[in-house]
Protein backbone atom coordinates (compact mmCIF):
# COMPACT_ATOMS: atom_id res chain seq x y z
CA UNK A 1 23.63 -32.02 -46.90
CA UNK A 2 21.43 -28.98 -47.54
CA UNK A 3 22.91 -25.53 -47.07
CA UNK A 4 21.34 -22.62 -45.22
CA UNK A 5 20.40 -21.05 -48.57
CA UNK A 6 18.69 -24.24 -49.72
CA UNK A 7 16.57 -24.23 -46.59
CA UNK A 8 15.70 -20.59 -47.23
CA UNK A 9 14.84 -21.37 -50.85
CA UNK A 10 12.56 -24.18 -49.61
CA UNK A 11 10.73 -21.77 -47.32
CA UNK A 12 12.15 -23.22 -44.10
CA UNK A 13 12.86 -20.56 -41.46
CA UNK A 14 15.23 -20.15 -38.51
CA UNK A 15 18.06 -22.21 -40.02
CA UNK A 16 21.43 -20.46 -39.60
CA UNK A 17 25.10 -21.31 -39.87
CA UNK A 18 25.12 -21.77 -36.08
CA UNK A 19 22.45 -24.47 -36.04
CA UNK A 20 22.82 -25.92 -39.55
CA UNK A 21 24.62 -29.08 -38.42
CA UNK A 22 22.03 -29.76 -35.74
CA UNK A 23 19.18 -29.20 -38.22
CA UNK A 24 20.73 -31.48 -40.82
CA UNK A 25 21.18 -34.14 -38.17
CA UNK A 26 17.42 -34.11 -37.65
CA UNK A 27 16.27 -33.60 -41.23
CA UNK A 28 18.62 -35.99 -43.04
CA UNK A 29 17.63 -39.34 -41.48
CA UNK A 30 13.91 -38.59 -41.61
CA UNK A 31 13.62 -36.80 -44.94
CA UNK A 32 12.02 -38.61 -47.87
CA UNK A 33 13.58 -36.26 -50.39
CA UNK A 34 11.48 -34.43 -52.95
CA UNK A 35 8.23 -35.73 -51.44
CA UNK A 36 8.71 -33.70 -48.23
CA UNK A 37 6.56 -30.61 -47.93
CA UNK A 38 7.92 -27.36 -46.55
CA UNK A 39 5.87 -27.88 -43.38
CA UNK A 40 7.30 -31.35 -42.88
CA UNK A 41 10.86 -30.10 -43.34
CA UNK A 42 10.15 -27.19 -40.98
CA UNK A 43 8.93 -29.59 -38.32
CA UNK A 44 12.06 -31.70 -38.66
CA UNK A 45 14.26 -28.59 -38.65
CA UNK A 46 12.64 -27.22 -35.54
CA UNK A 47 13.79 -30.23 -33.54
CA UNK A 48 17.35 -29.21 -34.34
CA UNK A 49 16.85 -25.55 -33.50
CA UNK A 50 17.39 -25.08 -29.76
CA UNK A 51 16.17 -21.79 -28.32
CA UNK A 52 17.73 -20.14 -25.27
CA UNK A 53 16.30 -20.93 -21.85
CA UNK A 54 15.44 -18.23 -19.30
CA UNK A 55 15.46 -19.19 -15.62
CA UNK A 56 13.67 -16.90 -13.17
CA UNK A 57 15.55 -15.98 -9.99
CA UNK A 58 13.45 -15.63 -6.85
CA UNK A 59 9.72 -16.16 -6.51
CA UNK A 60 7.34 -16.10 -9.46
CA UNK A 61 4.84 -14.13 -7.36
CA UNK A 62 5.84 -11.34 -4.99
CA UNK A 63 3.47 -9.47 -2.67
CA UNK A 64 4.48 -6.14 -1.12
CA UNK A 65 2.81 -3.47 0.96
CA UNK A 66 2.09 -0.13 -0.61
CA UNK A 67 5.15 2.13 -0.46
CA UNK A 68 7.64 -0.71 0.02
CA UNK A 69 10.86 -1.01 -1.93
CA UNK A 70 10.87 -3.49 -4.80
CA UNK A 71 14.20 -4.90 -6.02
CA UNK A 72 13.71 -7.28 -8.90
CA UNK A 73 15.57 -10.55 -8.47
CA UNK A 74 16.13 -10.87 -12.21
CA UNK A 75 16.73 -13.97 -14.31
CA UNK A 76 19.49 -15.90 -16.09
CA UNK A 77 19.64 -17.15 -19.66
CA UNK A 78 21.75 -19.78 -21.45
CA UNK A 79 21.93 -20.96 -25.07
CA UNK A 80 23.31 -24.27 -26.28
CA UNK A 81 25.46 -22.52 -28.89
CA UNK A 82 26.17 -19.09 -27.38
CA UNK A 83 26.45 -20.21 -23.77
CA UNK A 84 25.42 -17.77 -21.00
CA UNK A 85 23.52 -14.79 -22.44
CA UNK A 86 22.07 -13.34 -19.23
CA UNK A 87 23.42 -9.89 -20.10
CA UNK A 88 21.23 -9.89 -23.21
CA UNK A 89 17.94 -10.33 -21.33
CA UNK A 90 15.46 -7.54 -21.99
CA UNK A 91 13.52 -6.89 -18.78
CA UNK A 92 10.36 -4.80 -18.70
CA UNK A 93 9.51 -3.80 -15.13
CA UNK A 94 6.34 -1.67 -14.78
CA UNK A 95 6.04 -2.01 -10.98
CA UNK A 96 4.87 1.14 -9.18
CA UNK A 97 5.14 0.54 -5.43
CA UNK A 98 3.05 3.64 -4.72
CA UNK A 99 -0.03 2.38 -6.56
CA UNK A 100 -2.05 -0.66 -5.49
CA UNK A 101 -2.29 -3.23 -8.27
CA UNK A 102 -0.90 -6.37 -9.90
CA UNK A 103 2.08 -5.90 -12.20
CA UNK A 104 3.76 -8.30 -14.61
CA UNK A 105 7.53 -8.15 -15.08
CA UNK A 106 8.65 -9.77 -18.35
CA UNK A 107 11.99 -11.26 -19.42
CA UNK A 108 12.90 -11.95 -23.06
CA UNK A 109 16.11 -12.91 -24.86
CA UNK A 110 17.28 -14.17 -28.25
CA UNK A 111 20.51 -15.91 -29.17
CA UNK A 112 22.96 -14.76 -31.85
CA UNK A 113 21.03 -16.72 -34.47
CA UNK A 114 17.84 -14.84 -33.58
CA UNK A 115 16.13 -17.74 -31.81
CA UNK A 116 13.86 -16.28 -29.15
CA UNK A 117 13.46 -17.89 -25.75
CA UNK A 118 10.03 -18.49 -24.29
CA UNK A 119 9.09 -15.38 -22.35
CA UNK A 120 9.30 -15.68 -18.57
CA UNK A 121 7.22 -13.49 -16.24
CA UNK A 122 6.95 -12.54 -12.57
CA UNK A 123 3.77 -11.23 -10.91
CA UNK A 124 4.26 -8.43 -8.39
CA UNK A 125 1.27 -7.54 -6.24
CA UNK A 126 1.25 -4.17 -4.45
CA UNK A 127 -1.27 -4.38 -1.63
CA UNK A 128 -2.88 -1.64 0.40
CA UNK A 129 -1.35 -1.31 3.86
CA UNK A 130 -3.60 -2.54 6.66
CA UNK A 131 -3.24 -2.41 10.42
CA UNK A 132 -4.17 -5.61 12.21
CA UNK A 133 -4.61 -5.80 15.99
CA UNK A 134 -6.75 -7.95 18.30
CA UNK A 135 -8.33 -9.70 15.32
CA UNK A 136 -9.39 -6.39 13.77
CA UNK A 137 -8.14 -5.18 10.40
CA UNK A 138 -8.11 -1.47 9.66
CA UNK A 139 -7.81 -0.10 6.16
CA UNK A 140 -5.45 2.82 5.66
CA UNK A 141 -5.01 5.94 3.59
CA UNK A 142 -1.74 7.37 2.30
CA UNK A 143 -1.54 11.17 2.40
CA UNK A 144 1.79 12.60 1.32
CA UNK A 145 4.42 10.38 2.92
CA UNK A 146 2.16 9.40 5.83
CA UNK A 147 -0.03 6.31 6.18
CA UNK A 148 -3.01 6.74 8.54
CA UNK A 149 -5.78 4.40 9.58
CA UNK A 150 -8.80 5.36 7.50
CA UNK A 151 -11.11 5.15 10.51
CA UNK A 152 -10.97 5.65 14.25
CA UNK A 153 -9.76 2.64 16.22
CA UNK A 154 -11.69 0.45 18.63
CA UNK A 155 -8.82 -1.10 20.55
CA UNK A 156 -8.53 -1.87 24.26
CA UNK A 157 -5.45 0.03 25.52
CA UNK A 158 -2.49 -1.99 26.78
CA UNK A 159 -2.17 0.46 29.67
CA UNK A 160 -4.58 2.83 31.41
CA UNK A 161 -7.30 0.46 30.31
CA UNK A 162 -9.89 0.76 33.08
CA UNK A 163 -12.82 1.14 30.76
CA UNK A 164 -16.39 2.10 31.40
CA UNK A 165 -18.44 0.91 28.45
CA UNK A 166 -21.80 1.26 30.13
CA UNK A 167 -24.06 4.28 30.42
CA UNK A 168 -23.54 6.28 33.63
CA UNK A 169 -26.26 8.01 35.62
CA UNK A 170 -24.27 11.23 35.41
CA UNK A 171 -22.12 12.23 32.43
CA UNK A 172 -19.69 13.90 34.84
CA UNK A 173 -18.92 10.59 36.56
CA UNK A 174 -16.57 8.30 34.70
CA UNK A 175 -15.45 5.72 37.25
CA UNK A 176 -13.85 2.32 36.80
CA UNK A 177 -14.21 -0.72 39.02
CA UNK A 178 -11.35 0.49 41.23
CA UNK A 179 -13.13 3.73 42.00
CA UNK A 180 -10.73 5.76 39.87
CA UNK A 181 -11.70 7.62 36.70
CA UNK A 182 -12.09 5.31 33.71
CA UNK A 183 -9.85 5.68 30.69
CA UNK A 184 -11.96 4.76 27.67
CA UNK A 185 -15.53 4.35 26.42
CA UNK A 186 -16.61 1.77 23.87
CA UNK A 187 -19.60 3.74 22.54
CA UNK A 188 -21.48 7.03 22.60
CA UNK A 189 -24.14 7.43 25.25
CA UNK A 190 -25.24 11.02 24.74
CA UNK A 191 -28.27 12.20 22.79
CA UNK A 192 -26.90 14.10 19.79
CA UNK A 193 -26.28 12.89 16.25
CA UNK A 194 -27.03 9.40 14.96
CA UNK A 195 -25.38 6.01 14.95
CA UNK A 196 -24.02 6.83 11.49
CA UNK A 197 -21.70 9.37 13.15
CA UNK A 198 -20.11 6.83 15.48
CA UNK A 199 -16.58 5.71 14.73
CA UNK A 200 -14.40 3.89 17.25
CA UNK A 201 -13.80 4.11 20.99
CA UNK A 202 -13.13 7.25 23.04
CA UNK A 203 -9.94 7.55 25.10
CA UNK A 204 -8.27 9.77 27.63
CA UNK A 205 -4.84 10.89 26.49
CA UNK A 206 -3.11 8.38 28.82
CA UNK A 207 -5.13 5.54 27.31
CA UNK A 208 -4.66 6.87 23.76
CA UNK A 209 -0.88 6.59 24.03
CA UNK A 210 -1.32 2.86 24.77
CA UNK A 211 -3.59 2.03 21.86
CA UNK A 212 -1.66 1.82 18.58
CA UNK A 213 0.12 -1.53 17.99
CA UNK A 214 3.79 -2.13 17.22
CA UNK A 215 4.83 -0.41 14.01
CA UNK A 216 2.22 2.29 14.49
CA UNK A 217 1.94 5.30 16.79
CA UNK A 218 -0.38 7.92 18.15
CA UNK A 219 0.43 10.89 15.89
CA UNK A 220 2.32 13.77 17.46
CA UNK A 221 1.32 17.40 17.14
CA UNK A 222 4.00 17.69 14.43
CA UNK A 223 2.52 14.70 12.59
CA UNK A 224 -0.81 16.53 12.48
CA UNK A 225 0.94 19.67 11.23
CA UNK A 226 2.63 17.66 8.49
CA UNK A 227 -0.77 16.30 7.45
CA UNK A 228 -2.32 19.76 7.44
CA UNK A 229 0.54 21.22 5.45
CA UNK A 230 0.32 18.38 2.92
CA UNK A 231 -3.35 19.28 2.40
CA UNK A 232 -2.60 22.97 1.94
CA UNK A 233 -2.59 24.60 5.38
CA UNK A 234 -0.58 27.82 4.89
CA UNK A 235 2.21 28.98 7.19
CA UNK A 236 3.17 32.58 7.83
CA UNK A 237 6.33 34.22 9.17
CA UNK A 238 5.01 34.85 12.68
CA UNK A 239 3.13 32.67 15.15
CA UNK A 240 -0.05 34.72 14.99
CA UNK A 241 -0.05 34.31 11.20
CA UNK A 242 1.21 30.75 11.13
CA UNK A 243 -1.86 28.52 10.94
CA UNK A 244 0.27 25.45 11.61
CA UNK A 245 1.14 26.84 15.06
CA UNK A 246 -2.29 28.17 15.96
CA UNK A 247 -4.06 27.30 19.22
CA UNK A 248 -7.49 28.15 17.91
CA UNK A 249 -9.81 27.47 15.00
CA UNK A 250 -8.27 27.82 11.55
CA UNK A 251 -10.57 29.34 9.00
CA UNK A 252 -8.58 27.70 6.20
CA UNK A 253 -11.50 25.36 5.61
CA UNK A 254 -10.03 23.57 2.61
CA UNK A 255 -7.96 21.33 4.87
CA UNK A 256 -10.84 20.28 7.10
CA UNK A 257 -13.12 19.68 4.14
CA UNK A 258 -10.59 17.25 2.71
CA UNK A 259 -10.34 15.43 6.04
CA UNK A 260 -14.08 15.01 6.60
CA UNK A 261 -16.07 11.97 5.50
CA UNK A 262 -16.44 12.11 1.73
CA UNK A 263 -13.47 14.47 1.41
CA UNK A 264 -10.84 14.04 -1.26
CA UNK A 265 -8.06 12.96 1.14
CA UNK A 266 -9.68 9.65 2.08
CA UNK A 267 -9.16 10.42 5.79
CA UNK A 268 -12.93 10.07 6.25
CA UNK A 269 -13.34 11.82 9.61
CA UNK A 270 -16.82 11.40 11.08
CA UNK A 271 -18.39 13.63 13.71
CA UNK A 272 -18.05 11.04 16.47
CA UNK A 273 -17.96 13.73 19.16
CA UNK A 274 -17.10 12.70 22.71
CA UNK A 275 -18.77 9.81 24.54
CA UNK A 276 -21.42 11.99 26.15
CA UNK A 277 -21.80 14.94 23.75
CA UNK A 278 -21.24 16.60 20.37
CA UNK A 279 -21.83 13.53 18.22
CA UNK A 280 -22.88 14.74 14.79
CA UNK A 281 -21.26 18.13 15.50
CA UNK A 282 -17.51 17.73 16.03
CA UNK A 283 -14.69 15.26 15.49
CA UNK A 284 -11.87 15.12 18.07
CA UNK A 285 -8.48 13.45 17.70
CA UNK A 286 -5.68 13.09 20.23
CA UNK A 287 -2.01 13.76 19.55
CA UNK A 288 0.85 12.34 21.62
CA UNK A 289 2.28 15.80 22.34
CA UNK A 290 1.27 17.10 25.78
CA UNK A 291 -2.51 17.35 25.53
CA UNK A 292 -2.70 18.79 22.04
CA UNK A 293 -5.61 17.60 19.93
CA UNK A 294 -7.42 18.37 16.67
CA UNK A 295 -11.08 19.23 16.34
CA UNK A 296 -13.06 19.39 13.10
CA UNK A 297 -16.46 20.89 12.38
CA UNK A 298 -18.80 20.76 9.42
CA UNK A 299 -17.68 24.01 7.77
CA UNK A 300 -14.22 22.46 7.29
CA UNK A 301 -12.41 24.53 9.90
CA UNK A 302 -9.79 22.83 12.06
CA UNK A 303 -8.98 23.57 15.70
CA UNK A 304 -5.61 22.91 17.31
CA UNK A 305 -5.60 23.23 21.07
CA UNK A 306 -4.03 21.95 24.27
CA UNK A 307 -6.84 20.59 26.43
CA UNK A 308 -7.33 18.48 29.53
CA UNK A 309 -5.72 15.07 29.37
CA UNK A 310 -8.82 13.53 30.97
CA UNK A 311 -10.98 14.55 28.03
CA UNK A 312 -12.17 11.62 25.93
CA UNK A 313 -11.47 11.69 22.22
CA UNK A 314 -10.98 9.49 19.17
CA UNK A 315 -7.68 7.96 18.02
CA UNK A 316 -6.14 7.53 14.59
CA UNK A 317 -2.94 5.50 14.28
CA UNK A 318 -0.05 6.56 12.06
CA UNK A 319 2.36 4.06 10.53
CA UNK A 320 5.99 4.42 11.62
CA UNK A 321 8.37 5.40 8.86
């Protein structure tokens, strides 16, 4: 029977001491001797050369939300000569859970004779987080370690939901069917700005607390501070210098500019105003802390104040950690 060296001399590859007997078992009965070409011998030899087999563990395709934790399930490998060689698998895992995209994890292994297994792959899809409620899907934006809805919401509150979507004869009268003050408006009915400024419903604070679905919340005053600080709002040693604790307009306009529509943060705040006024001029957002709110204006300045809970303002939802 031919030796490994004779196969090498004939130009036949991948024949080793480990698989020589198996190769000869295939080549011997079918060989026609000197009339065989190298290609013909190689073809016969290949049938006796068994490569390792990689078996993927878990799903071949995995979809995860942005910011989730990804733990690769791995794979196993076995060779007919070497036995289990799982520990020799070379895994390349490029998955970045903080960046939306489709990633391919690869698994490769060779046996002691150098025979390479067929590469096995897993597709990992990192998807942007969305908030879905009442048949509506809201895109989101990640700023620092927070995930916000990227637009104001238009959701009927689960409580304090006596709405008044129609135009009233007097902007000072906001009355529901029960004769009590209404809690939310579905659209702007003042005269300022344009339809391009509209974004979502307007809510009293009581209604706003009952808007965001499970897994999400109305941001607290501290949540807003965390957002502002992430975008560069400075803090000083005393309250009157600490812009994070102000109850007035902050002239640190870089933060507001980033939050406004077209700003670099992706927050995309529009000047939706209040249901009867200031559309095209201001943006107002409730917090869940007392009656604190945020107000933005076109020069990029940000106002933090504690107003009347019956005021009507916009709502952004923040994903729970």
